[in-house]
Amino acid sequence: MSGMELFILILKLIVALLQLLEAVLKFLR
């Protein structure tokens, strides 16, 4: 696995976590 692939994987993970956080915040309101 190259560094670029790892970077893209981490970016996708961050985006998924942000979407999850947004969903949780909407649910709590």
PDB file of N, CA and C in Angstrom:
ATOM      1  N   MET A   1       0.848  -1.203   0.000  1.00  0.00           N
ATOM      2  CA  MET A   1       0.000   0.000   0.000  1.00  0.00           C
ATOM      3  C   MET A   1       0.879   1.246   0.000  1.00  0.00           C
ATOM      4  N   SER A   2       0.633   2.127  -0.958  1.00  0.00           N
ATOM      5  CA  SER A   2       1.444   3.337  -1.050  1.00  0.00           C
ATOM      6  C   SER A   2       0.939   4.413  -0.091  1.00  0.00           C
ATOM      7  N   GLY A   3       1.724   5.445   0.069  1.00  0.00           N
ATOM      8  CA  GLY A   3       1.344   6.526   0.968  1.00  0.00           C
ATOM      9  C   GLY A   3       0.090   7.244   0.500  1.00  0.00           C
ATOM     10  N   MET A   4      -0.054   7.350  -0.830  1.00  0.00           N
ATOM     11  CA  MET A   4      -1.216   8.044  -1.388  1.00  0.00           C
ATOM     12  C   MET A   4      -2.498   7.289  -1.071  1.00  0.00           C
ATOM     13  N   GLU A   5      -2.468   5.973  -1.197  1.00  0.00           N
ATOM     14  CA  GLU A   5      -3.647   5.156  -0.888  1.00  0.00           C
ATOM     15  C   GLU A   5      -4.017   5.293   0.577  1.00  0.00           C
ATOM     16  N   LEU A   6      -3.007   5.311   1.439  1.00  0.00           N
ATOM     17  CA  LEU A   6      -3.245   5.450   2.875  1.00  0.00           C
ATOM     18  C   LEU A   6      -3.876   6.811   3.174  1.00  0.00           C
ATOM     19  N   PHE A   7      -3.374   7.848   2.500  1.00  0.00           N
ATOM     20  CA  PHE A   7      -3.893   9.203   2.674  1.00  0.00           C
ATOM     21  C   PHE A   7      -5.366   9.275   2.282  1.00  0.00           C
ATOM     22  N   ILE A   8      -5.711   8.679   1.138  1.00  0.00           N
ATOM     23  CA  ILE A   8      -7.100   8.672   0.663  1.00  0.00           C
ATOM     24  C   ILE A   8      -7.993   7.904   1.626  1.00  0.00           C
ATOM     25  N   LEU A   9      -7.485   6.788   2.141  1.00  0.00           N
ATOM     26  CA  LEU A   9      -8.246   5.971   3.087  1.00  0.00           C
ATOM     27  C   LEU A   9      -8.555   6.771   4.350  1.00  0.00           C
ATOM     28  N   ILE A  10      -7.563   7.505   4.847  1.00  0.00           N
ATOM     29  CA  ILE A  10      -7.748   8.323   6.047  1.00  0.00           C
ATOM     30  C   ILE A  10      -8.754   9.446   5.785  1.00  0.00           C
ATOM     31  N   LEU A  11      -8.676  10.056   4.595  1.00  0.00           N
ATOM     32  CA  LEU A  11      -9.629  11.113   4.250  1.00  0.00           C
ATOM     33  C   LEU A  11     -11.053  10.587   4.239  1.00  0.00           C
ATOM     34  N   LYS A  12     -11.250   9.409   3.658  1.00  0.00           N
ATOM     35  CA  LYS A  12     -12.582   8.804   3.613  1.00  0.00           C
ATOM     36  C   LYS A  12     -13.082   8.514   5.022  1.00  0.00           C
ATOM     37  N   LEU A  13     -12.186   8.064   5.888  1.00  0.00           N
ATOM     38  CA  LEU A  13     -12.550   7.761   7.269  1.00  0.00           C
ATOM     39  C   LEU A  13     -12.984   9.034   7.998  1.00  0.00           C
ATOM     40  N   ILE A  14     -12.241  10.121   7.793  1.00  0.00           N
ATOM     41  CA  ILE A  14     -12.576  11.398   8.424  1.00  0.00           C
ATOM     42  C   ILE A  14     -13.939  11.897   7.954  1.00  0.00           C
ATOM     43  N   VAL A  15     -14.197  11.790   6.646  1.00  0.00           N
ATOM     44  CA  VAL A  15     -15.487  12.222   6.094  1.00  0.00           C
ATOM     45  C   VAL A  15     -16.623  11.403   6.697  1.00  0.00           C
ATOM     46  N   ALA A  16     -16.419  10.088   6.816  1.00  0.00           N
ATOM     47  CA  ALA A  16     -17.445   9.207   7.383  1.00  0.00           C
ATOM     48  C   ALA A  16     -17.718   9.578   8.844  1.00  0.00           C
ATOM     49  N   LEU A  17     -16.655   9.886   9.588  1.00  0.00           N
ATOM     50  CA  LEU A  17     -16.823  10.259  10.992  1.00  0.00           C
ATOM     51  C   LEU A  17     -17.568  11.584  11.126  1.00  0.00           C
ATOM     52  N   LEU A  18     -17.269  12.537  10.232  1.00  0.00           N
ATOM     53  CA  LEU A  18     -17.958  13.824  10.270  1.00  0.00           C
ATOM     54  C   LEU A  18     -19.442  13.661   9.969  1.00  0.00           C
ATOM     55  N   GLN A  19     -19.763  12.804   9.011  1.00  0.00           N
ATOM     56  CA  GLN A  19     -21.169  12.560   8.675  1.00  0.00           C
ATOM     57  C   GLN A  19     -21.891  11.906   9.848  1.00  0.00           C
ATOM     58  N   LEU A  20     -21.214  10.984  10.509  1.00  0.00           N
ATOM     59  CA  LEU A  20     -21.799  10.308  11.667  1.00  0.00           C
ATOM     60  C   LEU A  20     -22.042  11.315  12.797  1.00  0.00           C
ATOM     61  N   LEU A  21     -21.071  12.188  13.026  1.00  0.00           N
ATOM     62  CA  LEU A  21     -21.191  13.205  14.064  1.00  0.00           C
ATOM     63  C   LEU A  21     -22.362  14.141  13.775  1.00  0.00           C
ATOM     64  N   GLU A  22     -22.506  14.532  12.510  1.00  0.00           N
ATOM     65  CA  GLU A  22     -23.607  15.410  12.110  1.00  0.00           C
ATOM     66  C   GLU A  22     -24.951  14.733  12.347  1.00  0.00           C
ATOM     67  N   ALA A  23     -25.033  13.451  12.042  1.00  0.00           N
ATOM     68  CA  ALA A  23     -26.270  12.689  12.242  1.00  0.00           C
ATOM     69  C   ALA A  23     -26.611  12.608  13.734  1.00  0.00           C
ATOM     70  N   VAL A  24     -25.603  12.396  14.561  1.00  0.00           N
ATOM     71  CA  VAL A  24     -25.816  12.311  16.010  1.00  0.00           C
ATOM     72  C   VAL A  24     -26.297  13.658  16.561  1.00  0.00           C
ATOM     73  N   LEU A  25     -25.692  14.748  16.087  1.00  0.00           N
ATOM     74  CA  LEU A  25     -26.098  16.071  16.551  1.00  0.00           C
ATOM     75  C   LEU A  25     -27.540  16.377  16.169  1.00  0.00           C
ATOM     76  N   LYS A  26     -27.934  15.996  14.956  1.00  0.00           N
ATOM     77  CA  LYS A  26     -29.321  16.210  14.519  1.00  0.00           C
ATOM     78  C   LYS A  26     -30.265  15.384  15.379  1.00  0.00           C
ATOM     79  N   PHE A  27     -29.838  14.175  15.720  1.00  0.00           N
ATOM     80  CA  PHE A  27     -30.667  13.278  16.526  1.00  0.00           C
ATOM     81  C   PHE A  27     -30.858  13.837  17.938  1.00  0.00           C
ATOM     82  N   LEU A  28     -29.808  14.433  18.499  1.00  0.00           N
ATOM     83  CA  LEU A  28     -29.874  14.954  19.862  1.00  0.00           C
ATOM     84  C   LEU A  28     -30.734  16.208  19.967  1.00  0.00           C
ATOM     85  N   ARG A  29     -30.836  16.958  18.882  1.00  0.00           N
ATOM     86  CA  ARG A  29     -31.626  18.186  18.934  1.00  0.00           C
ATOM     87  C   ARG A  29     -33.061  17.939  18.944  1.00  0.00           C
TER      88      ARG A  29
END
